[in-house]
Amino acid sequence: MTRRMIGLAVRVLLSSCWVLIFASAFAEAAPDHTTPVFYRSVTVDGLSVFYREAGPANAPTLLLLHGFPSSSRMYEPLFARLAAGFHLIAPDYPGFGHSDAPDPQAFAYTFDHIADVIGHFTDIIGATHYVLYLEDYGGPVGFRLALAHPERVSGLIIQNAVAHEDGLGPSWEARRQFWRDRAAHEAAFQKAFLSFDTTRKRHLGSSPNITNYDPDLWTDEFAFLNRPGETEIQTDLFYDYRTNETRFTDWQVWMK
């Protein structure tokens, strides 16, 4: 085995250790209602950015980056189970959750811009060393953070986030049509991806046990999607998703 292969194996092993530590902690932890969760906001680049925070400040920090069209609320189950042993920080991106949602005419909803804001957010709250938890949109936001400050990242936990072409399979063809010709496919995109039925299905999937799911999860999410200007915000950001493909190689090189 070459030195390069040994180095790669060690890095994979270290990343795997983080996943095993996290999975073990989650599996063994019952919901903890004694560790308080704080709901805070800070001003970042002139915007109010909302975030949830819990756990000891001297514990390993997990920076939890949410997906579309969710918010930091999606991580409530982890906060309930992990706050006793980890320092958890979960922000809402601009245009999501309880953070400001400026007009798209005045704020560029791109992944570069969102990542810049979240990077400045981490500077302001003093988060200088963390494990990145990347879910869905958290992938393109988090990989940009990682490449901007690789020295801050001690581990990765990746859930449903894409860093390679194989992750964008045949089901993405309708999205690609939207990227190729926004004007022709914008209305269809909004109907397909921003509807109540789609929002509900994102939580239920094909589960036969729908009584196990709190309907507040999708009704609250859909309420955020129906704020003034939100359709334009989400459409602009998803149109920008096409730029992530050009970054895949950079992200893969960094991970190696």
C-alpha atoms as a PDB file:
ATOM      1  CA  MET A   1       0.000   0.000   0.000  1.00  0.00           C
ATOM      2  CA  THR A   2       1.396   3.408  -0.969  1.00  0.00           C
ATOM      3  CA  ARG A   3       1.849   6.275   1.486  1.00  0.00           C
ATOM      4  CA  ARG A   4      -0.938   8.153  -0.309  1.00  0.00           C
ATOM      5  CA  MET A   5      -3.303   5.202   0.088  1.00  0.00           C
ATOM      6  CA  ILE A   6      -2.394   4.874   3.767  1.00  0.00           C
ATOM      7  CA  GLY A   7      -3.065   8.577   4.301  1.00  0.00           C
ATOM      8  CA  LEU A   8      -6.440   8.312   2.579  1.00  0.00           C
ATOM      9  CA  ALA A   9      -7.352   5.237   4.628  1.00  0.00           C
ATOM     10  CA  VAL A  10      -6.485   7.056   7.855  1.00  0.00           C
ATOM     11  CA  ARG A  11      -8.611  10.059   6.888  1.00  0.00           C
ATOM     12  CA  VAL A  12     -11.538   7.805   5.980  1.00  0.00           C
ATOM     13  CA  LEU A  13     -11.127   5.986   9.296  1.00  0.00           C
ATOM     14  CA  LEU A  14     -11.136   9.251  11.232  1.00  0.00           C
ATOM     15  CA  SER A  15     -14.265  10.443   9.418  1.00  0.00           C
ATOM     16  CA  SER A  16     -15.888   7.064  10.058  1.00  0.00           C
ATOM     17  CA  CYS A  17     -15.044   7.384  13.743  1.00  0.00           C
ATOM     18  CA  TRP A  18     -16.984  10.636  13.924  1.00  0.00           C
ATOM     19  CA  VAL A  19     -19.998   8.999  12.306  1.00  0.00           C
ATOM     20  CA  LEU A  20     -19.792   6.021  14.685  1.00  0.00           C
ATOM     21  CA  ILE A  21     -19.450   8.287  17.728  1.00  0.00           C
ATOM     22  CA  PHE A  22     -22.437  10.330  16.595  1.00  0.00           C
ATOM     23  CA  ALA A  23     -24.566   7.297  15.712  1.00  0.00           C
ATOM     24  CA  SER A  24     -23.739   5.602  19.014  1.00  0.00           C
ATOM     25  CA  ALA A  25     -24.614   8.718  20.990  1.00  0.00           C
ATOM     26  CA  PHE A  26     -27.907   9.082  19.130  1.00  0.00           C
ATOM     27  CA  ALA A  27     -28.851   5.438  19.499  1.00  0.00           C
ATOM     28  CA  GLU A  28     -28.172   5.349  23.220  1.00  0.00           C
ATOM     29  CA  ALA A  29     -29.605   8.731  24.156  1.00  0.00           C
ATOM     30  CA  ALA A  30     -33.180   9.108  25.310  1.00  0.00           C
ATOM     31  CA  PRO A  31     -34.755  12.530  24.776  1.00  0.00           C
ATOM     32  CA  ASP A  32     -33.299  14.950  27.322  1.00  0.00           C
ATOM     33  CA  HIS A  33     -35.658  17.693  28.422  1.00  0.00           C
ATOM     34  CA  THR A  34     -33.346  19.075  31.105  1.00  0.00           C
ATOM     35  CA  THR A  35     -30.734  20.681  28.829  1.00  0.00           C
ATOM     36  CA  PRO A  36     -32.189  23.990  27.663  1.00  0.00           C
ATOM     37  CA  VAL A  37     -32.359  25.009  24.014  1.00  0.00           C
ATOM     38  CA  PHE A  38     -31.802  28.697  23.334  1.00  0.00           C
ATOM     39  CA  TYR A  39     -33.509  30.474  20.442  1.00  0.00           C
ATOM     40  CA  ARG A  40     -31.316  33.378  19.443  1.00  0.00           C
ATOM     41  CA  SER A  41     -30.852  35.903  16.666  1.00  0.00           C
ATOM     42  CA  VAL A  42     -27.776  37.875  15.614  1.00  0.00           C
ATOM     43  CA  THR A  43     -27.284  40.529  12.971  1.00  0.00           C
ATOM     44  CA  VAL A  44     -25.160  39.300  10.064  1.00  0.00           C
ATOM     45  CA  ASP A  45     -24.469  41.545   7.074  1.00  0.00           C
ATOM     46  CA  GLY A  46     -27.469  43.643   8.062  1.00  0.00           C
ATOM     47  CA  LEU A  47     -29.802  40.637   8.368  1.00  0.00           C
ATOM     48  CA  SER A  48     -31.322  39.015  11.424  1.00  0.00           C
ATOM     49  CA  VAL A  49     -30.171  35.386  11.422  1.00  0.00           C
ATOM     50  CA  PHE A  50     -32.053  33.069  13.769  1.00  0.00           C
ATOM     51  CA  TYR A  51     -30.408  30.009  15.301  1.00  0.00           C
ATOM     52  CA  ARG A  52     -30.917  27.311  17.895  1.00  0.00           C
ATOM     53  CA  GLU A  53     -28.161  26.536  20.369  1.00  0.00           C
ATOM     54  CA  ALA A  54     -27.809  23.979  23.124  1.00  0.00           C
ATOM     55  CA  GLY A  55     -25.222  21.999  25.039  1.00  0.00           C
ATOM     56  CA  PRO A  56     -21.981  22.768  26.867  1.00  0.00           C
ATOM     57  CA  ALA A  57     -19.819  25.379  25.155  1.00  0.00           C
ATOM     58  CA  ASN A  58     -16.702  23.271  25.816  1.00  0.00           C
ATOM     59  CA  ALA A  59     -18.162  20.133  24.200  1.00  0.00           C
ATOM     60  CA  PRO A  60     -17.523  19.190  20.544  1.00  0.00           C
ATOM     61  CA  THR A  61     -19.506  21.584  18.349  1.00  0.00           C
ATOM     62  CA  LEU A  62     -21.884  20.330  15.674  1.00  0.00           C
ATOM     63  CA  LEU A  63     -22.858  22.965  13.098  1.00  0.00           C
ATOM     64  CA  LEU A  64     -26.135  21.664  11.694  1.00  0.00           C
ATOM     65  CA  LEU A  65     -27.071  23.013   8.259  1.00  0.00           C
ATOM     66  CA  HIS A  66     -30.631  22.375   7.148  1.00  0.00           C
ATOM     67  CA  GLY A  67     -32.207  21.470   3.830  1.00  0.00           C
ATOM     68  CA  PHE A  68     -34.966  22.648   1.502  1.00  0.00           C
ATOM     69  CA  PRO A  69     -37.441  24.034   2.372  1.00  0.00           C
ATOM     70  CA  SER A  70     -36.880  23.416   6.054  1.00  0.00           C
ATOM     71  CA  SER A  71     -35.219  25.315   8.879  1.00  0.00           C
ATOM     72  CA  SER A  72     -33.261  24.595  12.030  1.00  0.00           C
ATOM     73  CA  ARG A  73     -36.455  23.077  13.401  1.00  0.00           C
ATOM     74  CA  MET A  74     -35.702  19.866  11.506  1.00  0.00           C
ATOM     75  CA  TYR A  75     -32.936  19.170  14.031  1.00  0.00           C
ATOM     76  CA  GLU A  76     -35.173  19.260  17.122  1.00  0.00           C
ATOM     77  CA  PRO A  77     -34.926  15.448  17.586  1.00  0.00           C
ATOM     78  CA  LEU A  78     -31.126  15.694  17.660  1.00  0.00           C
ATOM     79  CA  PHE A  79     -31.219  18.617  20.076  1.00  0.00           C
ATOM     80  CA  ALA A  80     -33.393  16.533  22.398  1.00  0.00           C
ATOM     81  CA  ARG A  81     -30.971  13.589  22.290  1.00  0.00           C
ATOM     82  CA  LEU A  82     -27.507  15.101  21.927  1.00  0.00           C
ATOM     83  CA  ALA A  83     -27.502  18.419  23.787  1.00  0.00           C
ATOM     84  CA  ALA A  84     -26.157  16.876  26.982  1.00  0.00           C
ATOM     85  CA  GLY A  85     -22.916  15.809  25.292  1.00  0.00           C
ATOM     86  CA  PHE A  86     -22.473  18.105  22.296  1.00  0.00           C
ATOM     87  CA  HIS A  87     -22.551  21.835  21.607  1.00  0.00           C
ATOM     88  CA  LEU A  88     -25.236  22.166  18.916  1.00  0.00           C
ATOM     89  CA  ILE A  89     -25.681  25.199  16.658  1.00  0.00           C
ATOM     90  CA  ALA A  90     -28.329  25.257  13.922  1.00  0.00           C
ATOM     91  CA  PRO A  91     -28.965  28.469  11.966  1.00  0.00           C
ATOM     92  CA  ASP A  92     -31.793  29.345   9.589  1.00  0.00           C
ATOM     93  CA  TYR A  93     -30.528  30.604   6.222  1.00  0.00           C
ATOM     94  CA  PRO A  94     -31.737  33.973   4.937  1.00  0.00           C
ATOM     95  CA  GLY A  95     -35.138  33.348   3.390  1.00  0.00           C
ATOM     96  CA  PHE A  96     -35.817  30.336   5.631  1.00  0.00           C
ATOM     97  CA  GLY A  97     -37.414  29.803   9.024  1.00  0.00           C
ATOM     98  CA  HIS A  98     -37.190  32.754  11.398  1.00  0.00           C
ATOM     99  CA  SER A  99     -34.283  34.520   9.687  1.00  0.00           C
ATOM    100  CA  ASP A 100     -34.899  37.632   7.618  1.00  0.00           C
ATOM    101  CA  ALA A 101     -36.154  37.057   4.092  1.00  0.00           C
ATOM    102  CA  PRO A 102     -35.192  40.147   2.100  1.00  0.00           C
ATOM    103  CA  ASP A 103     -36.728  40.805  -1.307  1.00  0.00           C
ATOM    104  CA  PRO A 104     -34.913  38.904  -4.085  1.00  0.00           C
ATOM    105  CA  GLN A 105     -34.545  42.194  -5.913  1.00  0.00           C
ATOM    106  CA  ALA A 106     -32.317  43.408  -3.080  1.00  0.00           C
ATOM    107  CA  PHE A 107     -30.629  40.152  -2.022  1.00  0.00           C
ATOM    108  CA  ALA A 108     -29.079  37.555  -4.302  1.00  0.00           C
ATOM    109  CA  TYR A 109     -30.380  34.113  -3.318  1.00  0.00           C
ATOM    110  CA  THR A 110     -27.410  32.059  -4.442  1.00  0.00           C
ATOM    111  CA  PHE A 111     -25.495  29.346  -2.624  1.00  0.00           C
ATOM    112  CA  ASP A 112     -22.369  31.473  -2.717  1.00  0.00           C
ATOM    113  CA  HIS A 113     -24.209  34.287  -0.959  1.00  0.00           C
ATOM    114  CA  ILE A 114     -25.951  32.043   1.578  1.00  0.00           C
ATOM    115  CA  ALA A 115     -22.614  30.413   2.422  1.00  0.00           C
ATOM    116  CA  ASP A 116     -21.020  33.843   2.868  1.00  0.00           C
ATOM    117  CA  VAL A 117     -23.743  34.855   5.315  1.00  0.00           C
ATOM    118  CA  ILE A 118     -23.466  31.611   7.297  1.00  0.00           C
ATOM    119  CA  GLY A 119     -19.679  31.942   7.296  1.00  0.00           C
ATOM    120  CA  HIS A 120     -19.969  35.441   8.748  1.00  0.00           C
ATOM    121  CA  PHE A 121     -22.521  34.055  11.221  1.00  0.00           C
ATOM    122  CA  THR A 122     -19.976  31.533  12.511  1.00  0.00           C
ATOM    123  CA  ASP A 123     -17.425  34.353  12.868  1.00  0.00           C
ATOM    124  CA  ILE A 124     -19.839  36.472  14.897  1.00  0.00           C
ATOM    125  CA  ILE A 125     -20.843  33.715  17.318  1.00  0.00           C
ATOM    126  CA  GLY A 126     -17.243  32.513  17.654  1.00  0.00           C
ATOM    127  CA  ALA A 127     -17.667  29.046  16.116  1.00  0.00           C
ATOM    128  CA  THR A 128     -14.093  28.357  15.016  1.00  0.00           C
ATOM    129  CA  HIS A 129     -13.982  24.535  15.198  1.00  0.00           C
ATOM    130  CA  TYR A 130     -16.864  22.204  14.390  1.00  0.00           C
ATOM    131  CA  VAL A 131     -18.195  19.017  12.893  1.00  0.00           C
ATOM    132  CA  LEU A 132     -20.340  19.882   9.880  1.00  0.00           C
ATOM    133  CA  TYR A 133     -23.729  18.174   9.669  1.00  0.00           C
ATOM    134  CA  LEU A 134     -24.867  18.584   6.050  1.00  0.00           C
ATOM    135  CA  GLU A 135     -28.428  17.766   4.999  1.00  0.00           C
ATOM    136  CA  ASP A 136     -29.714  18.477   1.480  1.00  0.00           C
ATOM    137  CA  TYR A 137     -29.073  22.233   0.876  1.00  0.00           C
ATOM    138  CA  GLY A 138     -26.696  21.994   3.819  1.00  0.00           C
ATOM    139  CA  GLY A 139     -24.331  20.196   1.440  1.00  0.00           C
ATOM    140  CA  PRO A 140     -23.625  23.062  -0.974  1.00  0.00           C
ATOM    141  CA  VAL A 141     -23.641  25.567   1.883  1.00  0.00           C
ATOM    142  CA  GLY A 142     -21.384  23.444   4.088  1.00  0.00           C
ATOM    143  CA  PHE A 143     -18.893  22.430   1.405  1.00  0.00           C
ATOM    144  CA  ARG A 144     -18.405  26.089   0.563  1.00  0.00           C
ATOM    145  CA  LEU A 145     -17.752  26.779   4.257  1.00  0.00           C
ATOM    146  CA  ALA A 146     -15.317  23.884   4.415  1.00  0.00           C
ATOM    147  CA  LEU A 147     -13.284  25.066   1.432  1.00  0.00           C
ATOM    148  CA  ALA A 148     -13.235  28.622   2.784  1.00  0.00           C
ATOM    149  CA  HIS A 149     -12.040  27.478   6.244  1.00  0.00           C
ATOM    150  CA  PRO A 150     -10.829  23.862   6.110  1.00  0.00           C
ATOM    151  CA  GLU A 151      -8.931  24.338   9.365  1.00  0.00           C
ATOM    152  CA  ARG A 152     -12.236  24.695  11.205  1.00  0.00           C
ATOM    153  CA  VAL A 153     -13.706  21.352  10.142  1.00  0.00           C
ATOM    154  CA  SER A 154     -12.999  18.388  12.416  1.00  0.00           C
ATOM    155  CA  GLY A 155     -15.510  16.014  10.815  1.00  0.00           C
ATOM    156  CA  LEU A 156     -18.400  15.561   8.388  1.00  0.00           C
ATOM    157  CA  ILE A 157     -21.820  13.997   8.839  1.00  0.00           C
ATOM    158  CA  ILE A 158     -23.624  13.869   5.498  1.00  0.00           C
ATOM    159  CA  GLN A 159     -27.320  13.089   5.092  1.00  0.00           C
ATOM    160  CA  ASN A 160     -28.955  13.299   1.674  1.00  0.00           C
ATOM    161  CA  ALA A 161     -26.418  15.790   0.318  1.00  0.00           C
ATOM    162  CA  VAL A 162     -24.815  15.440  -3.099  1.00  0.00           C
ATOM    163  CA  ALA A 163     -21.185  15.941  -4.124  1.00  0.00           C
ATOM    164  CA  HIS A 164     -21.076  13.835  -7.305  1.00  0.00           C
ATOM    165  CA  GLU A 165     -23.000  13.462 -10.561  1.00  0.00           C
ATOM    166  CA  ASP A 166     -24.302  10.012  -9.631  1.00  0.00           C
ATOM    167  CA  GLY A 167     -26.310  11.661  -6.868  1.00  0.00           C
ATOM    168  CA  LEU A 168     -28.370  13.526  -9.440  1.00  0.00           C
ATOM    169  CA  GLY A 169     -30.200  10.657 -11.073  1.00  0.00           C
ATOM    170  CA  PRO A 170     -33.099  10.413 -13.549  1.00  0.00           C
ATOM    171  CA  SER A 171     -35.526  11.989 -11.075  1.00  0.00           C
ATOM    172  CA  TRP A 172     -33.619  15.257 -11.557  1.00  0.00           C
ATOM    173  CA  GLU A 173     -34.507  15.560 -15.249  1.00  0.00           C
ATOM    174  CA  ALA A 174     -37.435  17.923 -14.554  1.00  0.00           C
ATOM    175  CA  ARG A 175     -35.107  20.081 -12.482  1.00  0.00           C
ATOM    176  CA  ARG A 176     -32.531  20.099 -15.281  1.00  0.00           C
ATOM    177  CA  GLN A 177     -35.198  21.266 -17.721  1.00  0.00           C
ATOM    178  CA  PHE A 178     -35.874  24.170 -15.362  1.00  0.00           C
ATOM    179  CA  TRP A 179     -32.153  24.988 -15.270  1.00  0.00           C
ATOM    180  CA  ARG A 180     -31.873  24.862 -19.064  1.00  0.00           C
ATOM    181  CA  ASP A 181     -34.906  27.100 -19.689  1.00  0.00           C
ATOM    182  CA  ARG A 182     -36.152  28.845 -16.578  1.00  0.00           C
ATOM    183  CA  ALA A 183     -38.889  30.870 -18.267  1.00  0.00           C
ATOM    184  CA  ALA A 184     -40.464  27.817 -19.896  1.00  0.00           C
ATOM    185  CA  HIS A 185     -40.395  25.611 -16.786  1.00  0.00           C
ATOM    186  CA  GLU A 186     -40.659  27.987 -13.822  1.00  0.00           C
ATOM    187  CA  ALA A 187     -44.415  27.593 -13.303  1.00  0.00           C
ATOM    188  CA  ALA A 188     -44.163  23.801 -13.442  1.00  0.00           C
ATOM    189  CA  PHE A 189     -41.280  23.822 -10.955  1.00  0.00           C
ATOM    190  CA  GLN A 190     -43.226  25.972  -8.493  1.00  0.00           C
ATOM    191  CA  LYS A 191     -46.317  23.789  -8.783  1.00  0.00           C
ATOM    192  CA  ALA A 192     -44.341  20.576  -8.326  1.00  0.00           C
ATOM    193  CA  PHE A 193     -41.958  21.577  -5.541  1.00  0.00           C
ATOM    194  CA  LEU A 194     -43.684  24.310  -3.551  1.00  0.00           C
ATOM    195  CA  SER A 195     -47.149  22.778  -3.137  1.00  0.00           C
ATOM    196  CA  PHE A 196     -48.728  21.587   0.097  1.00  0.00           C
ATOM    197  CA  ASP A 197     -48.914  17.973  -1.110  1.00  0.00           C
ATOM    198  CA  THR A 198     -45.191  17.950  -1.955  1.00  0.00           C
ATOM    199  CA  THR A 199     -44.303  19.565   1.362  1.00  0.00           C
ATOM    200  CA  ARG A 200     -46.284  16.906   3.231  1.00  0.00           C
ATOM    201  CA  LYS A 201     -44.803  14.058   1.178  1.00  0.00           C
ATOM    202  CA  ARG A 202     -41.264  15.216   1.956  1.00  0.00           C
ATOM    203  CA  HIS A 203     -41.958  14.280   5.578  1.00  0.00           C
ATOM    204  CA  LEU A 204     -44.116  11.185   5.110  1.00  0.00           C
ATOM    205  CA  GLY A 205     -42.481   9.617   2.074  1.00  0.00           C
ATOM    206  CA  SER A 206     -44.156   6.242   1.565  1.00  0.00           C
ATOM    207  CA  SER A 207     -44.419   5.429   5.259  1.00  0.00           C
ATOM    208  CA  PRO A 208     -47.513   3.390   6.145  1.00  0.00           C
ATOM    209  CA  ASN A 209     -47.388   4.755   9.698  1.00  0.00           C
ATOM    210  CA  ILE A 210     -48.541   8.342   9.146  1.00  0.00           C
ATOM    211  CA  THR A 211     -49.905   8.519  12.699  1.00  0.00           C
ATOM    212  CA  ASN A 212     -46.281   8.645  13.894  1.00  0.00           C
ATOM    213  CA  TYR A 213     -45.689  12.021  12.211  1.00  0.00           C
ATOM    214  CA  ASP A 214     -46.563  15.393  13.723  1.00  0.00           C
ATOM    215  CA  PRO A 215     -48.548  17.337  11.075  1.00  0.00           C
ATOM    216  CA  ASP A 216     -47.128  20.578  12.467  1.00  0.00           C
ATOM    217  CA  LEU A 217     -43.891  19.631  10.689  1.00  0.00           C
ATOM    218  CA  TRP A 218     -45.278  20.220   7.217  1.00  0.00           C
ATOM    219  CA  THR A 219     -47.996  22.756   8.022  1.00  0.00           C
ATOM    220  CA  ASP A 220     -45.442  25.076   9.652  1.00  0.00           C
ATOM    221  CA  GLU A 221     -43.033  24.521   6.763  1.00  0.00           C
ATOM    222  CA  PHE A 222     -45.751  25.281   4.232  1.00  0.00           C
ATOM    223  CA  ALA A 223     -46.702  28.439   6.134  1.00  0.00           C
ATOM    224  CA  PHE A 224     -43.123  29.697   5.721  1.00  0.00           C
ATOM    225  CA  LEU A 225     -43.288  28.845   2.007  1.00  0.00           C
ATOM    226  CA  ASN A 226     -46.363  31.052   1.684  1.00  0.00           C
ATOM    227  CA  ARG A 227     -44.853  34.220   3.109  1.00  0.00           C
ATOM    228  CA  PRO A 228     -44.805  37.175   0.691  1.00  0.00           C
ATOM    229  CA  GLY A 229     -41.937  36.803  -1.752  1.00  0.00           C
ATOM    230  CA  GLU A 230     -41.088  33.258  -0.678  1.00  0.00           C
ATOM    231  CA  THR A 231     -41.990  31.683  -4.024  1.00  0.00           C
ATOM    232  CA  GLU A 232     -39.497  33.956  -5.774  1.00  0.00           C
ATOM    233  CA  ILE A 233     -36.858  33.322  -3.080  1.00  0.00           C
ATOM    234  CA  GLN A 234     -37.058  29.546  -3.355  1.00  0.00           C
ATOM    235  CA  THR A 235     -37.234  29.643  -7.145  1.00  0.00           C
ATOM    236  CA  ASP A 236     -34.123  31.833  -7.390  1.00  0.00           C
ATOM    237  CA  LEU A 237     -32.141  29.632  -5.010  1.00  0.00           C
ATOM    238  CA  PHE A 238     -33.099  26.400  -6.690  1.00  0.00           C
ATOM    239  CA  TYR A 239     -32.260  27.854 -10.093  1.00  0.00           C
ATOM    240  CA  ASP A 240     -28.802  28.592  -8.672  1.00  0.00           C
ATOM    241  CA  TYR A 241     -28.457  24.931  -7.617  1.00  0.00           C
ATOM    242  CA  ARG A 242     -27.160  24.233 -11.123  1.00  0.00           C
ATOM    243  CA  THR A 243     -23.905  25.986 -10.125  1.00  0.00           C
ATOM    244  CA  ASN A 244     -23.160  23.262  -7.584  1.00  0.00           C
ATOM    245  CA  GLU A 245     -22.342  20.750 -10.308  1.00  0.00           C
ATOM    246  CA  THR A 246     -19.319  22.827 -11.302  1.00  0.00           C
ATOM    247  CA  ARG A 247     -18.064  22.575  -7.696  1.00  0.00           C
ATOM    248  CA  PHE A 248     -18.301  18.806  -7.318  1.00  0.00           C
ATOM    249  CA  THR A 249     -14.703  18.180  -8.359  1.00  0.00           C
ATOM    250  CA  ASP A 250     -13.383  20.746  -5.871  1.00  0.00           C
ATOM    251  CA  TRP A 251     -15.431  19.203  -3.065  1.00  0.00           C
ATOM    252  CA  GLN A 252     -14.252  15.694  -3.940  1.00  0.00           C
ATOM    253  CA  VAL A 253     -10.608  16.799  -4.004  1.00  0.00           C
ATOM    254  CA  TRP A 254     -11.022  18.409  -0.578  1.00  0.00           C
ATOM    255  CA  MET A 255     -12.652  15.296   0.872  1.00  0.00           C
ATOM    256  CA  LYS A 256      -9.771  13.151  -0.414  1.00  0.00           C
END
